[in-house]
C-alpha atoms as a PDB file:
ATOM      1  CA  UNK A   1     -67.224  62.343 -15.362  1.00  0.00           C
ATOM      2  CA  UNK A   2     -69.873  59.944 -16.597  1.00  0.00           C
ATOM      3  CA  UNK A   3     -73.315  60.818 -15.284  1.00  0.00           C
ATOM      4  CA  UNK A   4     -72.282  64.324 -14.235  1.00  0.00           C
ATOM      5  CA  UNK A   5     -72.782  67.812 -15.638  1.00  0.00           C
ATOM      6  CA  UNK A   6     -71.266  71.225 -15.030  1.00  0.00           C
ATOM      7  CA  UNK A   7     -73.504  74.038 -13.813  1.00  0.00           C
ATOM      8  CA  UNK A   8     -72.368  77.640 -13.515  1.00  0.00           C
ATOM      9  CA  UNK A   9     -73.397  80.396 -11.125  1.00  0.00           C
ATOM     10  CA  UNK A  10     -72.402  84.019 -11.251  1.00  0.00           C
ATOM     11  CA  UNK A  11     -73.639  86.141  -8.389  1.00  0.00           C
ATOM     12  CA  UNK A  12     -73.784  89.868  -9.170  1.00  0.00           C
ATOM     13  CA  UNK A  13     -74.502  92.689  -6.735  1.00  0.00           C
ATOM     14  CA  UNK A  14     -76.114  96.044  -7.409  1.00  0.00           C
ATOM     15  CA  UNK A  15     -73.516  98.814  -7.918  1.00  0.00           C
ATOM     16  CA  UNK A  16     -74.800 100.839  -4.981  1.00  0.00           C
ATOM     17  CA  UNK A  17     -75.268  98.005  -2.505  1.00  0.00           C
ATOM     18  CA  UNK A  18     -72.726  96.783  -0.006  1.00  0.00           C
ATOM     19  CA  UNK A  19     -73.218  93.021   0.330  1.00  0.00           C
ATOM     20  CA  UNK A  20     -71.539  90.970   3.033  1.00  0.00           C
ATOM     21  CA  UNK A  21     -69.256  88.197   1.836  1.00  0.00           C
ATOM     22  CA  UNK A  22     -71.010  86.035   4.451  1.00  0.00           C
ATOM     23  CA  UNK A  23     -74.017  85.901   2.117  1.00  0.00           C
ATOM     24  CA  UNK A  24     -71.808  84.741  -0.759  1.00  0.00           C
ATOM     25  CA  UNK A  25     -70.247  82.085   1.503  1.00  0.00           C
ATOM     26  CA  UNK A  26     -73.707  80.912   2.598  1.00  0.00           C
ATOM     27  CA  UNK A  27     -74.846  80.570  -1.020  1.00  0.00           C
ATOM     28  CA  UNK A  28     -71.635  78.784  -1.989  1.00  0.00           C
ATOM     29  CA  UNK A  29     -71.987  76.399   0.956  1.00  0.00           C
ATOM     30  CA  UNK A  30     -75.602  75.566   0.067  1.00  0.00           C
ATOM     31  CA  UNK A  31     -74.684  74.711  -3.504  1.00  0.00           C
ATOM     32  CA  UNK A  32     -71.511  72.817  -2.586  1.00  0.00           C
ATOM     33  CA  UNK A  33     -73.642  70.422  -0.508  1.00  0.00           C
ATOM     34  CA  UNK A  34     -75.490  69.385  -3.673  1.00  0.00           C
ATOM     35  CA  UNK A  35     -72.426  69.011  -5.877  1.00  0.00           C
ATOM     36  CA  UNK A  36     -69.599  66.519  -6.206  1.00  0.00           C
ATOM     37  CA  UNK A  37     -67.059  69.302  -6.569  1.00  0.00           C
ATOM     38  CA  UNK A  38     -66.959  73.080  -6.953  1.00  0.00           C
ATOM     39  CA  UNK A  39     -64.562  75.335  -8.825  1.00  0.00           C
ATOM     40  CA  UNK A  40     -64.236  79.046  -8.018  1.00  0.00           C
ATOM     41  CA  UNK A  41     -63.328  81.162 -11.022  1.00  0.00           C
ATOM     42  CA  UNK A  42     -61.921  84.666 -11.261  1.00  0.00           C
ATOM     43  CA  UNK A  43     -63.985  87.627 -10.143  1.00  0.00           C
ATOM     44  CA  UNK A  44     -63.434  89.866 -13.147  1.00  0.00           C
ATOM     45  CA  UNK A  45     -65.633  92.704 -11.865  1.00  0.00           C
ATOM     46  CA  UNK A  46     -66.093  94.556  -8.568  1.00  0.00           C
ATOM     47  CA  UNK A  47     -69.794  93.707  -8.765  1.00  0.00           C
ATOM     48  CA  UNK A  48     -69.167  89.975  -9.119  1.00  0.00           C
ATOM     49  CA  UNK A  49     -69.427  88.224  -5.746  1.00  0.00           C
ATOM     50  CA  UNK A  50     -69.130  84.655  -7.034  1.00  0.00           C
ATOM     51  CA  UNK A  51     -68.096  83.022 -10.271  1.00  0.00           C
ATOM     52  CA  UNK A  52     -68.387  79.275  -9.706  1.00  0.00           C
ATOM     53  CA  UNK A  53     -68.784  76.021 -11.553  1.00  0.00           C
ATOM     54  CA  UNK A  54     -70.247  72.940  -9.925  1.00  0.00           C
ATOM     55  CA  UNK A  55     -69.907  69.303 -10.892  1.00  0.00           C
ATOM     56  CA  UNK A  56     -73.343  67.798 -10.264  1.00  0.00           C
ATOM     57  CA  UNK A  57     -74.692  64.280 -10.648  1.00  0.00           C
ATOM     58  CA  UNK A  58     -77.315  64.284 -13.423  1.00  0.00           C
ATOM     59  CA  UNK A  59     -79.872  62.802 -11.033  1.00  0.00           C
ATOM     60  CA  UNK A  60     -79.351  65.809  -8.690  1.00  0.00           C
ATOM     61  CA  UNK A  61     -79.840  68.419 -11.433  1.00  0.00           C
ATOM     62  CA  UNK A  62     -83.447  69.225 -10.445  1.00  0.00           C
ATOM     63  CA  UNK A  63     -82.569  69.445  -6.754  1.00  0.00           C
ATOM     64  CA  UNK A  64     -79.647  71.780  -7.531  1.00  0.00           C
ATOM     65  CA  UNK A  65     -81.833  73.951  -9.793  1.00  0.00           C
ATOM     66  CA  UNK A  66     -84.537  74.139  -7.125  1.00  0.00           C
ATOM     67  CA  UNK A  67     -81.927  75.254  -4.572  1.00  0.00           C
ATOM     68  CA  UNK A  68     -80.759  78.009  -6.945  1.00  0.00           C
ATOM     69  CA  UNK A  69     -84.390  79.171  -7.334  1.00  0.00           C
ATOM     70  CA  UNK A  70     -84.837  79.140  -3.547  1.00  0.00           C
ATOM     71  CA  UNK A  71     -81.665  81.195  -3.046  1.00  0.00           C
ATOM     72  CA  UNK A  72     -82.759  83.645  -5.758  1.00  0.00           C
ATOM     73  CA  UNK A  73     -86.078  84.113  -3.966  1.00  0.00           C
ATOM     74  CA  UNK A  74     -84.345  84.653  -0.630  1.00  0.00           C
ATOM     75  CA  UNK A  75     -81.752  87.098  -2.011  1.00  0.00           C
ATOM     76  CA  UNK A  76     -83.739  89.296  -4.401  1.00  0.00           C
ATOM     77  CA  UNK A  77     -81.147  92.063  -4.122  1.00  0.00           C
ATOM     78  CA  UNK A  78     -78.645  89.872  -6.008  1.00  0.00           C
ATOM     79  CA  UNK A  79     -78.655  88.805  -9.629  1.00  0.00           C
ATOM     80  CA  UNK A  80     -78.090  85.094 -10.179  1.00  0.00           C
ATOM     81  CA  UNK A  81     -76.775  84.057 -13.580  1.00  0.00           C
ATOM     82  CA  UNK A  82     -77.324  80.301 -13.752  1.00  0.00           C
ATOM     83  CA  UNK A  83     -76.018  78.380 -16.766  1.00  0.00           C
ATOM     84  CA  UNK A  84     -75.819  74.792 -17.871  1.00  0.00           C
ATOM     85  CA  UNK A  85     -75.954  71.943 -17.989  1.00  0.00           C
ATOM     86  CA  UNK A  86     -72.598  71.784 -19.737  1.00  0.00           C
ATOM     87  CA  UNK A  87     -70.063  69.032 -20.269  1.00  0.00           C
ATOM     88  CA  UNK A  88     -67.762  69.171 -17.214  1.00  0.00           C
ATOM     89  CA  UNK A  89     -64.983  71.196 -18.882  1.00  0.00           C
ATOM     90  CA  UNK A  90     -63.854  72.968 -15.687  1.00  0.00           C
ATOM     91  CA  UNK A  91     -63.184  69.654 -13.958  1.00  0.00           C
ATOM     92  CA  UNK A  92     -60.961  67.968 -16.540  1.00  0.00           C
ATOM     93  CA  UNK A  93     -57.264  68.566 -17.006  1.00  0.00           C
ATOM     94  CA  UNK A  94     -56.108  67.846 -20.528  1.00  0.00           C
ATOM     95  CA  UNK A  95     -52.418  67.807 -21.285  1.00  0.00           C
ATOM     96  CA  UNK A  96     -51.412  68.066 -24.890  1.00  0.00           C
ATOM     97  CA  UNK A  97     -47.817  67.361 -25.763  1.00  0.00           C
ATOM     98  CA  UNK A  98     -46.133  67.809 -29.072  1.00  0.00           C
ATOM     99  CA  UNK A  99     -43.877  65.240 -30.659  1.00  0.00           C
END
């Protein structure tokens, strides 16, 4: 995990719009290319198209952020919620056992 950060993307659609899942797959594919690993979380709302975390090399942070900005510009009918950088919590499995 050294030298890597977690970045989160939630992609939200307008209540009245019908958005193709192909657009969500295209966005996911673009961001996966710039990450070491991706994690797809639960879609807890009908309006939520994507809820993803990405493990990104720190030296690729600017490139990843620029890609998010480019996708936002291209898909103005969608709301991008971009968070991070975070410690890579979603990519670590911790097992705690009692004695």
